[in-house]
Amino acid sequence: DPIHLGHLVTAEQARADLGLDEVVFMPAGSPWQKT
């Protein structure tokens, strides 16, 4: 809210470092801890 380049870099680094086949972005619906 909004998605930014830090999110994308994190996902790509996780994909590379952990050998992931896919990264699924899961936008939160109504997160209960958000104030």
All heavy atoms as atom14 arrays in JSON, in Angstrom:
{
  "sequence": "DPIHLGHLVTAEQARADLGLDEVVFMPAGSPWQKT",
  "atom14_mask": [
    [1, 1, 1, 1, 1, 1, 1, 1, 0, 0, 0, 0, 0, 0],
    [1, 1, 1, 1, 1, 1, 1, 0, 0, 0, 0, 0, 0, 0],
    [1, 1, 1, 1, 1, 1, 1, 1, 0, 0, 0, 0, 0, 0],
    [1, 1, 1, 1, 1, 1, 1, 1, 1, 1, 0, 0, 0, 0],
    [1, 1, 1, 1, 1, 1, 1, 1, 0, 0, 0, 0, 0, 0],
    [1, 1, 1, 1, 0, 0, 0, 0, 0, 0, 0, 0, 0, 0],
    [1, 1, 1, 1, 1, 1, 1, 1, 1, 1, 0, 0, 0, 0],
    [1, 1, 1, 1, 1, 1, 1, 1, 0, 0, 0, 0, 0, 0],
    [1, 1, 1, 1, 1, 1, 1, 0, 0, 0, 0, 0, 0, 0],
    [1, 1, 1, 1, 1, 1, 1, 0, 0, 0, 0, 0, 0, 0],
    [1, 1, 1, 1, 1, 0, 0, 0, 0, 0, 0, 0, 0, 0],
    [1, 1, 1, 1, 1, 1, 1, 1, 1, 0, 0, 0, 0, 0],
    [1, 1, 1, 1, 1, 1, 1, 1, 1, 0, 0, 0, 0, 0],
    [1, 1, 1, 1, 1, 0, 0, 0, 0, 0, 0, 0, 0, 0],
    [1, 1, 1, 1, 1, 1, 1, 1, 1, 1, 1, 0, 0, 0],
    [1, 1, 1, 1, 1, 0, 0, 0, 0, 0, 0, 0, 0, 0],
    [1, 1, 1, 1, 1, 1, 1, 1, 0, 0, 0, 0, 0, 0],
    [1, 1, 1, 1, 1, 1, 1, 1, 0, 0, 0, 0, 0, 0],
    [1, 1, 1, 1, 0, 0, 0, 0, 0, 0, 0, 0, 0, 0],
    [1, 1, 1, 1, 1, 1, 1, 1, 0, 0, 0, 0, 0, 0],
    [1, 1, 1, 1, 1, 1, 1, 1, 0, 0, 0, 0, 0, 0],
    [1, 1, 1, 1, 1, 1, 1, 1, 1, 0, 0, 0, 0, 0],
    [1, 1, 1, 1, 1, 1, 1, 0, 0, 0, 0, 0, 0, 0],
    [1, 1, 1, 1, 1, 1, 1, 0, 0, 0, 0, 0, 0, 0],
    [1, 1, 1, 1, 1, 1, 1, 1, 1, 1, 1, 0, 0, 0],
    [1, 1, 1, 1, 1, 1, 1, 1, 0, 0, 0, 0, 0, 0],
    [1, 1, 1, 1, 1, 1, 1, 0, 0, 0, 0, 0, 0, 0],
    [1, 1, 1, 1, 1, 0, 0, 0, 0, 0, 0, 0, 0, 0],
    [1, 1, 1, 1, 0, 0, 0, 0, 0, 0, 0, 0, 0, 0],
    [1, 1, 1, 1, 1, 1, 0, 0, 0, 0, 0, 0, 0, 0],
    [1, 1, 1, 1, 1, 1, 1, 0, 0, 0, 0, 0, 0, 0],
    [1, 1, 1, 1, 1, 1, 1, 1, 1, 1, 1, 1, 1, 1],
    [1, 1, 1, 1, 1, 1, 1, 1, 1, 0, 0, 0, 0, 0],
    [1, 1, 1, 1, 1, 1, 1, 1, 1, 0, 0, 0, 0, 0],
    [1, 1, 1, 1, 1, 1, 1, 0, 0, 0, 0, 0, 0, 0]
  ],
  "atom14_positions": [
    [[0.82, -1.21, 0.0], [0.0, 0.0, 0.0], [0.86, 1.27, 0.0], [0.85, 1.99, 1.0], [-0.92, -0.05, 1.23], [-2.03, 0.99, 1.18], [-2.31, 1.51, 0.09], [-2.62, 1.26, 2.23], [0.0, 0.0, 0.0], [0.0, 0.0, 0.0], [0.0, 0.0, 0.0], [0.0, 0.0, 0.0], [0.0, 0.0, 0.0], [0.0, 0.0, 0.0]],
    [[1.55, 1.58, -1.13], [1.59, 0.81, -2.37], [2.76, -0.16, -2.38], [3.69, -0.04, -1.57], [1.79, 1.9, -3.43], [2.68, 2.9, -2.72], [2.22, 2.89, -1.28], [0.0, 0.0, 0.0], [0.0, 0.0, 0.0], [0.0, 0.0, 0.0], [0.0, 0.0, 0.0], [0.0, 0.0, 0.0], [0.0, 0.0, 0.0], [0.0, 0.0, 0.0]],
    [[2.75, -1.09, -3.32], [3.91, -1.93, -3.56], [5.05, -1.05, -4.04], [4.85, -0.09, -4.78], [3.6, -3.04, -4.58], [4.75, -4.04, -4.65], [3.2, -2.48, -5.93], [4.41, -5.31, -5.42], [0.0, 0.0, 0.0], [0.0, 0.0, 0.0], [0.0, 0.0, 0.0], [0.0, 0.0, 0.0], [0.0, 0.0, 0.0], [0.0, 0.0, 0.0]],
    [[6.28, -1.33, -3.58], [7.42, -0.51, -3.97], [8.58, -1.41, -4.4], [8.49, -2.65, -4.35], [7.82, 0.45, -2.84], [8.09, -0.23, -1.53], [9.13, -1.09, -1.32], [7.44, -0.14, -0.33], [9.14, -1.51, -0.07], [8.11, -0.96, 0.55], [0.0, 0.0, 0.0], [0.0, 0.0, 0.0], [0.0, 0.0, 0.0], [0.0, 0.0, 0.0]],
    [[9.67, -0.77, -4.83], [10.79, -1.53, -5.36], [11.45, -2.41, -4.31], [12.02, -3.45, -4.63], [11.82, -0.58, -5.99], [11.31, 0.18, -7.23], [12.39, 1.11, -7.77], [10.88, -0.8, -8.32], [0.0, 0.0, 0.0], [0.0, 0.0, 0.0], [0.0, 0.0, 0.0], [0.0, 0.0, 0.0], [0.0, 0.0, 0.0], [0.0, 0.0, 0.0]],
    [[11.36, -2.01, -3.03], [11.9, -2.86, -1.98], [11.21, -4.2, -1.92], [11.85, -5.24, -1.7], [0.0, 0.0, 0.0], [0.0, 0.0, 0.0], [0.0, 0.0, 0.0], [0.0, 0.0, 0.0], [0.0, 0.0, 0.0], [0.0, 0.0, 0.0], [0.0, 0.0, 0.0], [0.0, 0.0, 0.0], [0.0, 0.0, 0.0], [0.0, 0.0, 0.0]],
    [[9.9, -4.21, -2.12], [9.15, -5.48, -2.16], [9.65, -6.36, -3.31], [9.85, -7.57, -3.15], [7.66, -5.22, -2.36], [6.99, -4.54, -1.21], [6.19, -3.43, -1.36], [6.99, -4.82, 0.13], [5.72, -3.06, -0.19], [6.2, -3.88, 0.74], [0.0, 0.0, 0.0], [0.0, 0.0, 0.0], [0.0, 0.0, 0.0], [0.0, 0.0, 0.0]],
    [[9.83, -5.75, -4.48], [10.22, -6.52, -5.66], [11.64, -7.06, -5.52], [11.92, -8.22, -5.87], [10.11, -5.64, -6.91], [8.71, -5.11, -7.22], [8.75, -4.17, -8.42], [7.72, -6.25, -7.45], [0.0, 0.0, 0.0], [0.0, 0.0, 0.0], [0.0, 0.0, 0.0], [0.0, 0.0, 0.0], [0.0, 0.0, 0.0], [0.0, 0.0, 0.0]],
    [[12.55, -6.24, -5.0], [13.93, -6.69, -4.79], [13.96, -7.83, -3.77], [14.67, -8.82, -3.93], [14.81, -5.52, -4.33], [16.2, -6.02, -3.93], [14.95, -4.49, -5.45], [0.0, 0.0, 0.0], [0.0, 0.0, 0.0], [0.0, 0.0, 0.0], [0.0, 0.0, 0.0], [0.0, 0.0, 0.0], [0.0, 0.0, 0.0], [0.0, 0.0, 0.0]],
    [[13.17, -7.7, -2.7], [13.1, -8.75, -1.69], [12.62, -10.07, -2.29], [13.21, -11.13, -2.05], [12.16, -8.34, -0.55], [12.67, -7.17, 0.09], [12.01, -9.46, 0.47], [0.0, 0.0, 0.0], [0.0, 0.0, 0.0], [0.0, 0.0, 0.0], [0.0, 0.0, 0.0], [0.0, 0.0, 0.0], [0.0, 0.0, 0.0], [0.0, 0.0, 0.0]],
    [[11.56, -10.01, -3.08], [11.01, -11.22, -3.69], [12.03, -11.86, -4.63], [12.19, -13.09, -4.64], [9.73, -10.89, -4.44], [0.0, 0.0, 0.0], [0.0, 0.0, 0.0], [0.0, 0.0, 0.0], [0.0, 0.0, 0.0], [0.0, 0.0, 0.0], [0.0, 0.0, 0.0], [0.0, 0.0, 0.0], [0.0, 0.0, 0.0], [0.0, 0.0, 0.0]],
    [[12.7, -11.06, -5.41], [13.68, -11.61, -6.36], [14.88, -12.19, -5.63], [15.42, -13.24, -6.02], [14.11, -10.54, -7.36], [15.14, -10.99, -8.37], [14.69, -12.18, -9.24], [13.46, -12.42, -9.34], [15.56, -12.85, -9.8], [0.0, 0.0, 0.0], [0.0, 0.0, 0.0], [0.0, 0.0, 0.0], [0.0, 0.0, 0.0], [0.0, 0.0, 0.0]],
    [[15.33, -11.52, -4.57], [16.46, -12.05, -3.81], [16.07, -13.36, -3.13], [16.86, -14.31, -3.1], [16.95, -11.05, -2.77], [18.19, -11.54, -2.02], [18.83, -10.47, -1.18], [18.82, -9.29, -1.53], [19.39, -10.86, -0.04], [0.0, 0.0, 0.0], [0.0, 0.0, 0.0], [0.0, 0.0, 0.0], [0.0, 0.0, 0.0], [0.0, 0.0, 0.0]],
    [[14.86, -13.42, -2.59], [14.4, -14.66, -1.98], [14.33, -15.78, -3.02], [14.71, -16.93, -2.75], [13.04, -14.45, -1.33], [0.0, 0.0, 0.0], [0.0, 0.0, 0.0], [0.0, 0.0, 0.0], [0.0, 0.0, 0.0], [0.0, 0.0, 0.0], [0.0, 0.0, 0.0], [0.0, 0.0, 0.0], [0.0, 0.0, 0.0], [0.0, 0.0, 0.0]],
    [[13.83, -15.44, -4.21], [13.74, -16.44, -5.28], [15.11, -17.01, -5.59], [15.29, -18.23, -5.72], [13.13, -15.82, -6.53], [12.85, -16.82, -7.65], [12.72, -16.14, -8.99], [13.97, -15.49, -9.38], [15.04, -16.13, -9.84], [15.02, -17.46, -9.95], [16.12, -15.47, -10.17], [0.0, 0.0, 0.0], [0.0, 0.0, 0.0], [0.0, 0.0, 0.0]],
    [[16.11, -16.12, -5.72], [17.46, -16.56, -6.07], [18.14, -17.28, -4.92], [18.71, -18.37, -5.1], [18.28, -15.35, -6.51], [0.0, 0.0, 0.0], [0.0, 0.0, 0.0], [0.0, 0.0, 0.0], [0.0, 0.0, 0.0], [0.0, 0.0, 0.0], [0.0, 0.0, 0.0], [0.0, 0.0, 0.0], [0.0, 0.0, 0.0], [0.0, 0.0, 0.0]],
    [[18.1, -16.7, -3.72], [18.83, -17.27, -2.59], [18.23, -18.58, -2.1], [18.96, -19.48, -1.64], [18.86, -16.28, -1.43], [19.75, -15.07, -1.7], [20.32, -14.99, -2.81], [19.86, -14.2, -0.81], [0.0, 0.0, 0.0], [0.0, 0.0, 0.0], [0.0, 0.0, 0.0], [0.0, 0.0, 0.0], [0.0, 0.0, 0.0], [0.0, 0.0, 0.0]],
    [[16.91, -18.72, -2.18], [16.24, -19.92, -1.68], [15.9, -20.92, -2.78], [15.35, -21.97, -2.51], [14.95, -19.53, -0.94], [15.11, -18.57, 0.24], [13.75, -18.15, 0.78], [15.94, -19.22, 1.34], [0.0, 0.0, 0.0], [0.0, 0.0, 0.0], [0.0, 0.0, 0.0], [0.0, 0.0, 0.0], [0.0, 0.0, 0.0], [0.0, 0.0, 0.0]],
    [[16.24, -20.57, -4.01], [15.95, -21.47, -5.13], [14.47, -21.69, -5.36], [14.02, -22.8, -5.65], [0.0, 0.0, 0.0], [0.0, 0.0, 0.0], [0.0, 0.0, 0.0], [0.0, 0.0, 0.0], [0.0, 0.0, 0.0], [0.0, 0.0, 0.0], [0.0, 0.0, 0.0], [0.0, 0.0, 0.0], [0.0, 0.0, 0.0], [0.0, 0.0, 0.0]],
    [[13.68, -20.62, -5.25], [12.24, -20.74, -5.39], [11.83, -20.85, -6.85], [12.4, -20.2, -7.72], [11.55, -19.52, -4.76], [11.87, -19.24, -3.29], [11.13, -18.0, -2.82], [11.52, -20.45, -2.42], [0.0, 0.0, 0.0], [0.0, 0.0, 0.0], [0.0, 0.0, 0.0], [0.0, 0.0, 0.0], [0.0, 0.0, 0.0], [0.0, 0.0, 0.0]],
    [[10.83, -21.66, -7.1], [10.28, -21.77, -8.45], [9.31, -20.64, -8.75], [9.12, -20.28, -9.92], [9.56, -23.12, -8.6], [10.5, -24.29, -8.45], [11.33, -24.49, -9.35], [10.41, -24.99, -7.42], [0.0, 0.0, 0.0], [0.0, 0.0, 0.0], [0.0, 0.0, 0.0], [0.0, 0.0, 0.0], [0.0, 0.0, 0.0], [0.0, 0.0, 0.0]],
    [[8.67, -20.12, -7.72], [7.65, -19.09, -7.9], [7.55, -18.27, -6.62], [7.75, -18.79, -5.52], [6.29, -19.72, -8.21], [5.15, -18.73, -8.4], [3.81, -19.42, -8.63], [3.74, -20.67, -8.48], [2.82, -18.72, -8.93], [0.0, 0.0, 0.0], [0.0, 0.0, 0.0], [0.0, 0.0, 0.0], [0.0, 0.0, 0.0], [0.0, 0.0, 0.0]],
    [[7.25, -16.99, -6.77], [6.94, -16.14, -5.62], [5.53, -15.6, -5.83], [5.25, -14.93, -6.82], [7.93, -14.98, -5.45], [7.5, -14.09, -4.27], [9.35, -15.5, -5.23], [0.0, 0.0, 0.0], [0.0, 0.0, 0.0], [0.0, 0.0, 0.0], [0.0, 0.0, 0.0], [0.0, 0.0, 0.0], [0.0, 0.0, 0.0], [0.0, 0.0, 0.0]],
    [[4.64, -15.94, -4.91], [3.25, -15.5, -4.98], [3.07, -14.3, -4.04], [3.27, -14.41, -2.83], [2.28, -16.62, -4.56], [0.83, -16.13, -4.65], [2.49, -17.86, -5.4], [0.0, 0.0, 0.0], [0.0, 0.0, 0.0], [0.0, 0.0, 0.0], [0.0, 0.0, 0.0], [0.0, 0.0, 0.0], [0.0, 0.0, 0.0], [0.0, 0.0, 0.0]],
    [[2.73, -13.16, -4.62], [2.46, -11.97, -3.81], [1.04, -12.1, -3.26], [0.1, -12.35, -4.0], [2.6, -10.71, -4.65], [4.02, -10.33, -4.93], [4.8, -11.08, -5.81], [4.6, -9.22, -4.32], [6.12, -10.74, -6.06], [5.9, -8.86, -4.57], [6.68, -9.62, -5.44], [0.0, 0.0, 0.0], [0.0, 0.0, 0.0], [0.0, 0.0, 0.0]],
    [[0.91, -11.92, -1.95], [-0.35, -12.14, -1.26], [-0.78, -10.84, -0.56], [-0.53, -10.65, 0.63], [-0.19, -13.26, -0.22], [-1.48, -13.69, 0.44], [-2.5, -14.74, -0.61], [-1.48, -16.23, -0.77], [0.0, 0.0, 0.0], [0.0, 0.0, 0.0], [0.0, 0.0, 0.0], [0.0, 0.0, 0.0], [0.0, 0.0, 0.0], [0.0, 0.0, 0.0]],
    [[-1.42, -9.91, -1.3], [-1.88, -8.69, -0.65], [-2.87, -9.01, 0.47], [-3.78, -9.82, 0.29], [-2.57, -7.92, -1.79], [-2.0, -8.49, -3.05], [-1.74, -9.92, -2.75], [0.0, 0.0, 0.0], [0.0, 0.0, 0.0], [0.0, 0.0, 0.0], [0.0, 0.0, 0.0], [0.0, 0.0, 0.0], [0.0, 0.0, 0.0], [0.0, 0.0, 0.0]],
    [[-2.68, -8.38, 1.62], [-3.54, -8.63, 2.77], [-4.93, -8.07, 2.53], [-5.1, -7.03, 1.9], [-2.93, -8.01, 4.02], [0.0, 0.0, 0.0], [0.0, 0.0, 0.0], [0.0, 0.0, 0.0], [0.0, 0.0, 0.0], [0.0, 0.0, 0.0], [0.0, 0.0, 0.0], [0.0, 0.0, 0.0], [0.0, 0.0, 0.0], [0.0, 0.0, 0.0]],
    [[-5.92, -8.76, 3.06], [-7.3, -8.28, 2.96], [-7.59, -7.24, 4.01], [-7.37, -6.05, 3.81], [0.0, 0.0, 0.0], [0.0, 0.0, 0.0], [0.0, 0.0, 0.0], [0.0, 0.0, 0.0], [0.0, 0.0, 0.0], [0.0, 0.0, 0.0], [0.0, 0.0, 0.0], [0.0, 0.0, 0.0], [0.0, 0.0, 0.0], [0.0, 0.0, 0.0]],
    [[-8.03, -7.67, 5.18], [-8.26, -6.78, 6.33], [-7.37, -7.27, 7.46], [-7.81, -7.99, 8.35], [-9.73, -6.82, 6.76], [-10.58, -6.39, 5.73], [0.0, 0.0, 0.0], [0.0, 0.0, 0.0], [0.0, 0.0, 0.0], [0.0, 0.0, 0.0], [0.0, 0.0, 0.0], [0.0, 0.0, 0.0], [0.0, 0.0, 0.0], [0.0, 0.0, 0.0]],
    [[-6.08, -6.89, 7.42], [-5.14, -7.4, 8.44], [-5.54, -6.94, 9.83], [-5.72, -5.76, 10.07], [-3.79, -6.81, 8.01], [-4.12, -5.67, 7.11], [-5.44, -5.98, 6.48], [0.0, 0.0, 0.0], [0.0, 0.0, 0.0], [0.0, 0.0, 0.0], [0.0, 0.0, 0.0], [0.0, 0.0, 0.0], [0.0, 0.0, 0.0], [0.0, 0.0, 0.0]],
    [[-5.68, -7.88, 10.75], [-6.25, -7.58, 12.06], [-5.33, -6.72, 12.92], [-5.8, -6.06, 13.85], [-6.61, -8.87, 12.79], [-5.45, -9.72, 13.19], [-4.76, -10.6, 12.41], [-4.85, -9.8, 14.48], [-3.76, -11.21, 13.11], [-3.79, -10.75, 14.4], [-5.1, -9.17, 15.71], [-2.99, -11.07, 15.49], [-4.29, -9.5, 16.79], [-3.25, -10.43, 16.68]],
    [[-4.01, -6.71, 12.65], [-3.1, -5.94, 13.47], [-2.85, -4.53, 12.93], [-2.15, -3.75, 13.55], [-1.77, -6.67, 13.62], [-1.86, -7.86, 14.57], [-0.49, -8.43, 14.89], [0.4, -8.45, 14.04], [-0.31, -8.91, 16.1], [0.0, 0.0, 0.0], [0.0, 0.0, 0.0], [0.0, 0.0, 0.0], [0.0, 0.0, 0.0], [0.0, 0.0, 0.0]],
    [[-3.4, -4.18, 11.77], [-3.21, -2.85, 11.22], [-4.11, -1.86, 11.94], [-5.31, -2.08, 12.08], [-3.51, -2.83, 9.72], [-2.42, -3.41, 8.85], [-1.21, -2.51, 8.81], [-0.16, -3.07, 7.85], [1.07, -2.25, 7.83], [0.0, 0.0, 0.0], [0.0, 0.0, 0.0], [0.0, 0.0, 0.0], [0.0, 0.0, 0.0], [0.0, 0.0, 0.0]],
    [[-3.5, -0.74, 12.4], [-4.29, 0.27, 13.11], [-4.76, 1.38, 12.17], [-5.68, 2.11, 12.51], [-3.46, 0.9, 14.24], [-2.24, 1.46, 13.69], [-3.1, -0.15, 15.29], [0.0, 0.0, 0.0], [0.0, 0.0, 0.0], [0.0, 0.0, 0.0], [0.0, 0.0, 0.0], [0.0, 0.0, 0.0], [0.0, 0.0, 0.0], [0.0, 0.0, 0.0]]
  ]
}
